[in-house]
Amino acid sequence: MASHPNTLFVFLTLTLATLCFSHTPKGGFSVQLIHRDSPNSPFYNPSETPFQQLHNAFHRSINRVNHFYSKSKASRKPPQSVISLSHGEYLMKYSIGTPPFEVMGIADTGSDLVWLQCKPCKKCYNQTTPLFDSAKSSSYKPVSCNSSLCRSLKETICQHNGDPRCKYDVEYGDRSYSRGNIAFETLTLGSTRGSSVAFPKIAIGCGFTNGGKFDPKGSGIVGLGGGGISLMTQIGHSVDFKFSYCLVPSFESKGASKINFGEKAVVAGSGTVTTPIIRGSVDTYYYLKLEGMSVGSKRIELIDNSTSNDAKGNIIIDSGTTLTFLPKKFYAKLESEVPAQIKMERDHSPEQFLSLCYKIPSNETFEAPLVTAHFSGADVVLNSLNTFVSVSDNETCFAFAPVIADSIFGNIAQTNHMVGFDLLKKTVSFKPTDCTKM
């Protein structure tokens, strides 16, 4: 079924909203986001140093940007099941079914479908936690192939073997995959206030054939992207189509990152700046327009926007990518200006893709110039916490890297900002915030 992306988004929003309306707490609610390398994460490896964890995060970023690019290329071809890499940086607890069954999934603003491994698994990756058994849930309802929902989604297929159930088939750039049934199910989010919020009849993927580079301690994806079947599209009417998050600094022991929904997600007040979301040919991604960047008072214009698959948007804002990736020529100008304002000797990078690094003597404090990201209508000021990252006890590197296509504004740059998405107004707002105190 061929549809214009915006028409399909509106159609699915209205269709799903009639199915999954839920009364949310007055004032909205918040859910904890667990960084995959924090001690609260099932992925946490106590034998790894913070620098080893960071090194692994860098490599995940490189892989992830490659897969963003692969999906953008795929979007120019006939529809096919290629979506962004699952290895995001933040996890989210939720419950599925009736009675509620707790699941830990990767919260991903670069994916849409909510899916998890389910019994009976024909071929599953080794998951150390129990699998969801749909037969034990009174609210599990398979979606029919004849439904408008099934016919409208690119990732769904129908087999011609007499099976009336709607199937999904998603593949990732690293050849990981998930296949199974689309079903309506009750999804429950646990609020940081101690209460929980249940959303009935959410369309999810129940994966019976899954494999590839998935961590055995997690189960699937919580898709928070902009597409028709994402969690945010489905619960949108219940939360005013608003969500926000506040990411604490990496390896920060104080406080926890949070994702907010509804009134709680409104970003406003002193210091708030707002820029439009520009829908591109890939509905999933949140595209913004970056006009340039300043180092101190020196502004560098981003003249060439040809790296984007959209004529106006040229950078994806993504919580699941650690580094910030910029067009190669523009990055080169930025990298040459930063050291011009730092009175320290450069050092060879231990990370092959981070080329601007400094050794910091034990008796000195590293002072980086302020870097301002000039989005359309919004100047986001980045301090050293957003622009440099410690890669060893006495060395720090610029947390930006060049890319050929599909620039990404990563989570280090977003740290200690309240980042709010209003999907009705199609805007993203930024407000400097101490996220450890949220």
Protein backbone atom coordinates (compact mmCIF):
# COMPACT_ATOMS: atom_id res chain seq x y z
CA MET A 1 0.00 0.00 0.00
CA ALA A 2 1.67 3.21 -1.15
CA SER A 3 1.00 6.36 0.85
CA HIS A 4 2.60 9.74 1.28
CA PRO A 5 4.59 9.63 4.58
CA ASN A 6 2.67 12.51 6.17
CA THR A 7 -0.73 11.09 5.12
CA LEU A 8 0.21 7.67 6.49
CA PHE A 9 1.40 9.21 9.77
CA VAL A 10 -1.90 11.05 10.27
CA PHE A 11 -3.94 7.97 9.32
CA LEU A 12 -2.09 5.69 11.72
CA THR A 13 -2.13 8.29 14.48
CA LEU A 14 -5.91 8.58 14.32
CA THR A 15 -6.42 4.82 13.93
CA LEU A 16 -4.16 3.80 16.80
CA ALA A 17 -5.34 6.61 19.06
CA THR A 18 -8.86 5.16 19.03
CA LEU A 19 -7.40 1.86 20.22
CA CYS A 20 -4.91 2.82 22.88
CA PHE A 21 -6.28 5.86 24.70
CA SER A 22 -5.33 5.84 28.38
CA HIS A 23 -5.82 8.30 31.21
CA THR A 24 -2.35 9.43 32.26
CA PRO A 25 -1.56 11.03 35.63
CA LYS A 26 -2.29 14.73 35.86
CA GLY A 27 0.93 16.60 35.19
CA GLY A 28 2.37 13.73 33.15
CA PHE A 29 4.87 11.16 34.32
CA SER A 30 8.53 10.16 34.08
CA VAL A 31 10.33 6.86 33.49
CA GLN A 32 13.95 6.14 34.34
CA LEU A 33 16.38 5.74 31.46
CA ILE A 34 19.20 3.36 32.35
CA HIS A 35 22.52 3.88 30.60
CA ARG A 36 23.74 0.52 29.36
CA ASP A 37 27.08 0.93 31.21
CA SER A 38 25.64 2.06 34.55
CA PRO A 39 25.69 -0.31 37.56
CA ASN A 40 21.86 -0.45 37.30
CA SER A 41 22.04 -1.92 33.80
CA PRO A 42 21.90 -5.67 33.09
CA PHE A 43 24.60 -4.98 30.48
CA TYR A 44 27.00 -3.59 33.11
CA ASN A 45 30.39 -5.29 33.15
CA PRO A 46 32.25 -4.47 36.41
CA SER A 47 35.53 -5.70 34.93
CA GLU A 48 35.52 -2.90 32.35
CA THR A 49 36.99 0.49 33.21
CA PRO A 50 34.98 3.61 32.29
CA PHE A 51 37.48 4.21 29.49
CA GLN A 52 36.90 0.74 28.04
CA GLN A 53 33.15 1.33 28.23
CA LEU A 54 33.59 4.64 26.43
CA HIS A 55 35.75 2.99 23.76
CA ASN A 56 32.96 0.45 23.15
CA ALA A 57 30.40 3.28 22.97
CA PHE A 58 32.51 5.01 20.31
CA HIS A 59 32.51 1.87 18.19
CA ARG A 60 28.75 1.51 18.60
CA SER A 61 28.42 5.12 17.39
CA ILE A 62 30.46 4.39 14.27
CA ASN A 63 28.34 1.32 13.52
CA ARG A 64 25.13 3.18 14.20
CA VAL A 65 25.86 6.08 11.85
CA ASN A 66 26.62 3.56 9.10
CA HIS A 67 23.20 2.00 9.59
CA PHE A 68 21.41 5.34 9.63
CA TYR A 69 23.05 5.88 6.26
CA SER A 70 22.01 2.44 5.00
CA LYS A 71 18.36 3.10 5.84
CA SER A 72 18.46 6.50 4.15
CA LYS A 73 19.73 4.82 0.99
CA ALA A 74 17.06 2.15 1.31
CA SER A 75 14.37 4.82 1.53
CA ARG A 76 15.15 5.85 -2.04
CA LYS A 77 14.48 2.31 -3.24
CA PRO A 78 11.32 0.17 -3.02
CA PRO A 79 10.31 -0.40 0.64
CA GLN A 80 12.43 -2.98 2.41
CA SER A 81 12.97 -3.99 6.01
CA VAL A 82 16.17 -2.18 6.90
CA ILE A 83 16.07 -0.15 10.12
CA SER A 84 18.68 1.39 12.37
CA LEU A 85 21.04 -0.64 14.54
CA SER A 86 19.62 -1.85 17.83
CA HIS A 87 22.68 -1.14 19.91
CA GLY A 88 21.47 2.07 21.56
CA GLU A 89 22.82 3.52 24.76
CA TYR A 90 19.77 3.68 27.07
CA LEU A 91 17.44 0.99 28.41
CA MET A 92 13.87 1.28 29.63
CA LYS A 93 11.82 -1.04 31.81
CA TYR A 94 8.25 -1.67 30.82
CA SER A 95 5.65 -4.39 31.26
CA ILE A 96 3.66 -6.19 28.61
CA GLY A 97 0.44 -8.15 28.84
CA THR A 98 -2.19 -9.01 31.45
CA PRO A 99 -0.98 -9.81 34.06
CA PRO A 100 2.01 -7.48 33.48
CA PHE A 101 5.27 -9.15 32.47
CA GLU A 102 8.39 -6.98 33.02
CA VAL A 103 10.74 -6.44 30.09
CA MET A 104 13.97 -4.47 29.62
CA GLY A 105 14.27 -3.01 26.13
CA ILE A 106 16.54 -0.51 24.39
CA ALA A 107 14.86 2.93 24.24
CA ASP A 108 15.62 4.06 20.71
CA THR A 109 14.68 7.36 19.05
CA GLY A 110 16.09 5.86 15.83
CA SER A 111 13.55 2.98 15.64
CA ASP A 112 9.76 2.67 15.52
CA LEU A 113 8.48 -0.82 16.29
CA VAL A 114 8.27 -2.02 19.89
CA TRP A 115 9.28 -5.69 19.77
CA LEU A 116 10.44 -8.36 22.20
CA GLN A 117 11.30 -12.06 22.16
CA CYS A 118 8.30 -14.32 22.75
CA LYS A 119 7.52 -17.95 23.47
CA PRO A 120 7.48 -20.33 21.71
CA CYS A 121 10.75 -19.25 20.08
CA LYS A 122 11.49 -21.10 16.87
CA LYS A 123 14.97 -19.60 16.69
CA CYS A 124 15.96 -16.98 19.24
CA TYR A 125 19.19 -15.47 20.49
CA ASN A 126 20.13 -16.66 23.96
CA GLN A 127 18.20 -14.44 26.39
CA THR A 128 19.10 -14.91 30.05
CA THR A 129 15.83 -13.42 31.35
CA PRO A 130 12.46 -15.18 30.89
CA LEU A 131 10.65 -14.83 27.57
CA PHE A 132 7.16 -13.35 27.29
CA ASP A 133 4.49 -16.03 26.81
CA SER A 134 1.59 -14.51 24.89
CA ALA A 135 -0.60 -17.53 25.70
CA LYS A 136 -0.62 -16.44 29.35
CA SER A 137 -1.82 -12.90 28.60
CA SER A 138 -5.55 -12.22 28.42
CA SER A 139 -4.97 -8.95 26.49
CA TYR A 140 -2.88 -10.38 23.63
CA LYS A 141 -4.73 -10.02 20.30
CA PRO A 142 -2.99 -10.91 17.00
CA VAL A 143 -3.44 -8.36 14.19
CA SER A 144 -5.11 -9.69 11.05
CA CYS A 145 -3.56 -9.47 7.60
CA ASN A 146 -6.80 -7.87 6.44
CA SER A 147 -6.48 -4.96 8.88
CA SER A 148 -5.70 -1.48 7.61
CA LEU A 149 -2.82 -1.32 10.10
CA CYS A 150 -1.11 -4.37 8.63
CA ARG A 151 -1.56 -3.18 5.05
CA SER A 152 -0.18 0.28 5.86
CA LEU A 153 3.20 -0.58 7.39
CA LYS A 154 6.38 -1.20 5.43
CA GLU A 155 7.80 -3.70 7.92
CA THR A 156 4.77 -6.01 7.77
CA ILE A 157 4.16 -8.97 5.46
CA CYS A 158 1.41 -11.52 4.96
CA GLN A 159 2.13 -15.12 4.06
CA HIS A 160 0.07 -16.98 1.49
CA ASN A 161 -0.12 -20.22 3.43
CA GLY A 162 -3.49 -19.79 5.09
CA ASP A 163 -2.08 -17.98 8.14
CA PRO A 164 -4.27 -14.86 8.65
CA ARG A 165 -1.90 -13.21 11.16
CA CYS A 166 0.04 -10.06 10.26
CA LYS A 167 3.81 -10.67 10.35
CA TYR A 168 6.75 -8.30 10.70
CA ASP A 169 10.27 -8.74 9.40
CA VAL A 170 12.97 -6.26 10.40
CA GLU A 171 16.68 -6.40 9.64
CA TYR A 172 19.54 -4.32 10.98
CA GLY A 173 22.66 -3.16 9.19
CA ASP A 174 24.79 -5.72 11.06
CA ARG A 175 22.49 -8.51 9.79
CA SER A 176 20.73 -8.92 13.10
CA TYR A 177 17.02 -9.54 12.59
CA SER A 178 13.65 -10.09 14.26
CA ARG A 179 10.61 -11.81 12.78
CA GLY A 180 7.26 -12.60 14.29
CA ASN A 181 3.64 -11.51 14.68
CA ILE A 182 2.16 -8.06 15.06
CA ALA A 183 -0.33 -8.04 17.94
CA PHE A 184 -2.27 -5.60 20.09
CA GLU A 185 -1.23 -5.81 23.73
CA THR A 186 -1.36 -3.79 26.95
CA LEU A 187 1.93 -1.95 27.57
CA THR A 188 2.59 -0.54 31.05
CA LEU A 189 5.18 2.10 31.94
CA GLY A 190 6.34 2.43 35.54
CA SER A 191 6.49 6.03 36.74
CA THR A 192 9.35 7.33 38.89
CA ARG A 193 6.59 8.43 41.31
CA GLY A 194 5.91 4.78 42.08
CA SER A 195 2.66 4.43 40.15
CA SER A 196 2.30 2.86 36.72
CA VAL A 197 0.47 3.84 33.56
CA ALA A 198 -1.14 1.19 31.35
CA PHE A 199 -1.82 1.70 27.63
CA PRO A 200 -4.18 -0.89 26.15
CA LYS A 201 -4.10 -2.16 22.56
CA ILE A 202 -0.57 -1.07 21.65
CA ALA A 203 0.67 -2.64 18.41
CA ILE A 204 3.84 -4.60 19.21
CA GLY A 205 6.04 -7.18 17.54
CA CYS A 206 6.19 -10.60 19.22
CA GLY A 207 9.44 -12.07 17.92
CA PHE A 208 9.60 -15.83 17.40
CA THR A 209 12.67 -15.86 15.12
CA ASN A 210 15.45 -13.50 16.19
CA GLY A 211 19.21 -13.54 15.81
CA GLY A 212 22.41 -11.55 15.47
CA LYS A 213 24.31 -9.23 17.75
CA PHE A 214 21.74 -8.77 20.49
CA ASP A 215 22.77 -8.73 24.14
CA PRO A 216 21.39 -11.80 25.99
CA LYS A 217 20.44 -9.66 29.00
CA GLY A 218 17.92 -7.53 27.10
CA SER A 219 14.82 -8.16 25.02
CA GLY A 220 14.24 -6.09 21.93
CA ILE A 221 13.51 -2.45 21.23
CA VAL A 222 11.23 0.33 22.51
CA GLY A 223 10.81 2.40 19.36
CA LEU A 224 10.46 6.13 20.11
CA GLY A 225 10.93 7.37 16.54
CA GLY A 226 8.54 9.39 14.43
CA GLY A 227 7.02 6.60 12.34
CA GLY A 228 3.44 5.36 12.28
CA ILE A 229 3.86 2.38 14.63
CA SER A 230 6.29 3.92 17.14
CA LEU A 231 5.33 3.98 20.82
CA MET A 232 5.10 7.78 20.75
CA THR A 233 2.69 7.76 17.82
CA GLN A 234 0.51 5.16 19.50
CA ILE A 235 0.30 6.76 22.96
CA GLY A 236 0.42 10.29 21.58
CA HIS A 237 -3.16 11.28 22.33
CA SER A 238 -2.71 10.21 25.94
CA VAL A 239 0.44 12.31 26.46
CA ASP A 240 -0.34 15.33 24.23
CA PHE A 241 2.21 14.00 21.73
CA LYS A 242 5.01 15.27 23.99
CA PHE A 243 8.09 13.58 25.41
CA SER A 244 11.39 14.85 26.71
CA TYR A 245 14.53 13.45 28.26
CA CYS A 246 17.35 14.69 30.45
CA LEU A 247 20.61 12.75 30.16
CA VAL A 248 23.07 12.80 33.06
CA PRO A 249 26.79 12.86 32.21
CA SER A 250 28.21 9.47 31.29
CA PHE A 251 29.27 7.36 34.29
CA GLU A 252 27.69 9.91 36.61
CA SER A 253 26.91 8.27 39.96
CA LYS A 254 24.50 10.99 41.09
CA GLY A 255 20.96 11.00 39.75
CA ALA A 256 19.58 9.08 36.79
CA SER A 257 18.54 9.99 33.27
CA LYS A 258 14.79 10.29 32.75
CA ILE A 259 12.29 10.32 29.93
CA ASN A 260 9.14 12.37 30.52
CA PHE A 261 5.68 12.17 28.96
CA GLY A 262 2.72 14.56 28.76
CA GLU A 263 2.72 17.77 30.79
CA LYS A 264 5.88 16.63 32.54
CA ALA A 265 7.63 16.74 29.16
CA VAL A 266 7.02 20.43 28.48
CA VAL A 267 10.33 22.30 28.12
CA ALA A 268 9.89 26.02 28.83
CA GLY A 269 11.26 28.91 30.83
CA SER A 270 14.48 30.89 30.89
CA GLY A 271 17.16 29.61 28.53
CA THR A 272 14.80 27.49 26.39
CA VAL A 273 15.37 27.55 22.62
CA THR A 274 13.23 25.78 20.01
CA THR A 275 13.83 24.52 16.47
CA PRO A 276 11.53 22.80 13.94
CA ILE A 277 11.48 19.05 13.31
CA ILE A 278 11.71 18.58 9.57
CA ARG A 279 10.15 15.36 8.32
CA GLY A 280 12.39 13.67 5.75
CA SER A 281 11.91 10.68 3.50
CA VAL A 282 12.58 8.41 6.51
CA ASP A 283 9.64 8.97 8.88
CA THR A 284 11.48 7.39 11.80
CA TYR A 285 14.20 9.99 12.25
CA TYR A 286 13.92 13.42 13.85
CA TYR A 287 15.66 15.74 11.38
CA LEU A 288 16.72 19.27 12.33
CA LYS A 289 18.40 21.99 10.31
CA LEU A 290 21.91 22.92 11.44
CA GLU A 291 22.96 26.25 9.97
CA GLY A 292 26.44 26.41 11.45
CA MET A 293 28.51 26.25 14.65
CA SER A 294 30.52 28.79 16.60
CA VAL A 295 33.71 28.28 18.57
CA GLY A 296 33.72 31.17 21.01
CA SER A 297 32.75 34.14 18.84
CA LYS A 298 34.02 32.59 15.60
CA ARG A 299 31.07 31.31 13.52
CA ILE A 300 31.46 28.63 10.85
CA GLU A 301 28.62 28.36 8.37
CA LEU A 302 27.32 25.02 7.16
CA ILE A 303 26.83 25.87 3.50
CA ASP A 304 26.52 22.42 1.94
CA ASN A 305 23.37 20.61 3.05
CA SER A 306 23.65 17.89 0.41
CA THR A 307 24.54 15.24 3.01
CA SER A 308 20.87 14.99 4.03
CA ASN A 309 18.14 12.95 2.35
CA ASP A 310 15.87 15.95 2.91
CA ALA A 311 16.28 19.32 1.24
CA LYS A 312 15.96 21.27 4.49
CA GLY A 313 16.88 18.95 7.35
CA ASN A 314 20.52 18.00 7.55
CA ILE A 315 21.12 16.44 10.96
CA ILE A 316 19.38 13.71 12.98
CA ILE A 317 19.01 14.21 16.73
CA ASP A 318 19.51 10.82 18.34
CA SER A 319 19.80 9.68 21.96
CA GLY A 320 21.30 6.33 20.95
CA THR A 321 24.47 7.70 19.34
CA THR A 322 27.29 8.78 21.66
CA LEU A 323 29.38 11.02 19.38
CA THR A 324 28.24 13.89 17.17
CA PHE A 325 28.91 13.37 13.46
CA LEU A 326 29.23 16.29 11.04
CA PRO A 327 29.86 16.61 7.27
CA LYS A 328 33.51 16.01 6.50
CA LYS A 329 34.36 19.47 5.09
CA PHE A 330 32.44 21.29 7.78
CA TYR A 331 34.02 19.16 10.51
CA ALA A 332 37.51 20.00 9.17
CA LYS A 333 36.80 23.74 9.56
CA LEU A 334 35.42 23.21 13.07
CA GLU A 335 38.37 21.08 14.13
CA SER A 336 40.86 23.69 12.93
CA GLU A 337 39.12 26.46 14.90
CA VAL A 338 38.86 24.65 18.25
CA PRO A 339 42.64 24.29 18.85
CA ALA A 340 43.12 27.90 17.80
CA GLN A 341 41.32 28.80 21.04
CA ILE A 342 42.94 26.21 23.34
CA LYS A 343 46.35 27.08 24.75
CA MET A 344 47.56 23.52 25.24
CA GLU A 345 49.66 21.12 23.21
CA ARG A 346 47.77 18.59 21.10
CA ASP A 347 48.38 14.89 21.58
CA HIS A 348 48.00 11.80 19.42
CA SER A 349 44.58 10.23 19.85
CA PRO A 350 44.30 6.70 21.28
CA GLU A 351 40.99 6.46 19.39
CA GLN A 352 41.53 6.22 15.66
CA PHE A 353 38.38 8.19 14.79
CA LEU A 354 38.93 11.02 17.33
CA SER A 355 41.62 13.24 15.91
CA LEU A 356 41.63 16.24 18.28
CA CYS A 357 43.02 15.32 21.69
CA TYR A 358 44.99 16.93 24.51
CA LYS A 359 47.10 15.55 27.32
CA ILE A 360 46.26 17.29 30.58
CA PRO A 361 49.03 17.60 33.18
CA SER A 362 47.90 16.62 36.67
CA ASN A 363 48.34 20.17 37.92
CA GLU A 364 46.29 21.82 35.17
CA THR A 365 42.59 22.21 34.43
CA PHE A 366 41.36 21.74 30.89
CA GLU A 367 39.38 24.71 29.61
CA ALA A 368 37.53 24.32 26.33
CA PRO A 369 35.90 27.21 24.49
CA LEU A 370 32.12 27.29 24.31
CA VAL A 371 30.76 25.76 21.12
CA THR A 372 27.34 26.88 19.90
CA ALA A 373 25.24 24.73 17.60
CA HIS A 374 23.16 27.10 15.46
CA PHE A 375 19.98 25.23 14.60
CA SER A 376 17.21 27.01 12.71
CA GLY A 377 15.82 29.47 15.29
CA ALA A 378 17.77 27.93 18.20
CA ASP A 379 21.32 28.46 19.43
CA VAL A 380 22.32 25.55 21.68
CA VAL A 381 25.40 26.37 23.78
CA LEU A 382 27.69 23.44 24.49
CA ASN A 383 30.27 23.53 27.26
CA SER A 384 33.28 21.24 27.70
CA LEU A 385 31.05 18.49 29.13
CA ASN A 386 29.23 18.40 25.77
CA THR A 387 32.25 18.77 23.51
CA PHE A 388 35.15 16.87 25.10
CA VAL A 389 35.35 13.44 26.68
CA SER A 390 38.09 11.87 28.85
CA VAL A 391 39.57 8.84 27.11
CA SER A 392 42.19 8.17 29.80
CA ASP A 393 43.20 9.56 33.19
CA ASN A 394 45.10 12.45 31.64
CA GLU A 395 43.77 12.78 28.11
CA THR A 396 40.63 14.33 26.64
CA CYS A 397 39.33 14.32 23.06
CA PHE A 398 36.86 16.31 20.98
CA ALA A 399 33.63 14.25 20.93
CA PHE A 400 32.86 15.03 17.27
CA ALA A 401 33.79 13.12 14.13
CA PRO A 402 33.46 13.55 10.34
CA VAL A 403 30.91 11.59 8.30
CA ILE A 404 30.06 11.30 4.63
CA ALA A 405 26.28 11.39 5.04
CA ASP A 406 23.49 11.73 7.61
CA SER A 407 24.95 13.93 10.33
CA ILE A 408 23.92 13.03 13.88
CA PHE A 409 23.65 15.19 17.01
CA GLY A 410 24.66 12.63 19.64
CA ASN A 411 23.97 12.18 23.33
CA ILE A 412 27.23 13.65 24.69
CA ALA A 413 26.24 16.97 23.07
CA GLN A 414 22.75 16.63 24.62
CA THR A 415 23.98 15.87 28.16
CA ASN A 416 22.67 18.21 30.88
CA HIS A 417 20.01 19.63 28.58
CA MET A 418 16.30 19.02 28.87
CA VAL A 419 15.45 18.00 25.32
CA GLY A 420 11.74 18.18 24.55
CA PHE A 421 9.87 16.84 21.49
CA ASP A 422 6.45 18.25 20.61
CA LEU A 423 5.17 16.03 17.81
CA LEU A 424 2.07 18.15 17.15
CA LYS A 425 3.97 21.41 16.77
CA LYS A 426 6.87 19.44 15.21
CA THR A 427 9.53 21.09 17.35
CA VAL A 428 12.49 20.18 19.54
CA SER A 429 13.34 22.41 22.50
CA PHE A 430 16.56 22.60 24.49
CA LYS A 431 17.04 23.97 27.98
CA PRO A 432 20.32 23.87 29.97
CA THR A 433 19.57 21.71 33.03
CA ASP A 434 21.44 19.87 35.76
CA CYS A 435 19.98 16.47 34.95
CA THR A 436 21.37 14.92 38.16
CA LYS A 437 18.81 17.03 40.08
CA MET A 438 15.76 16.09 38.01
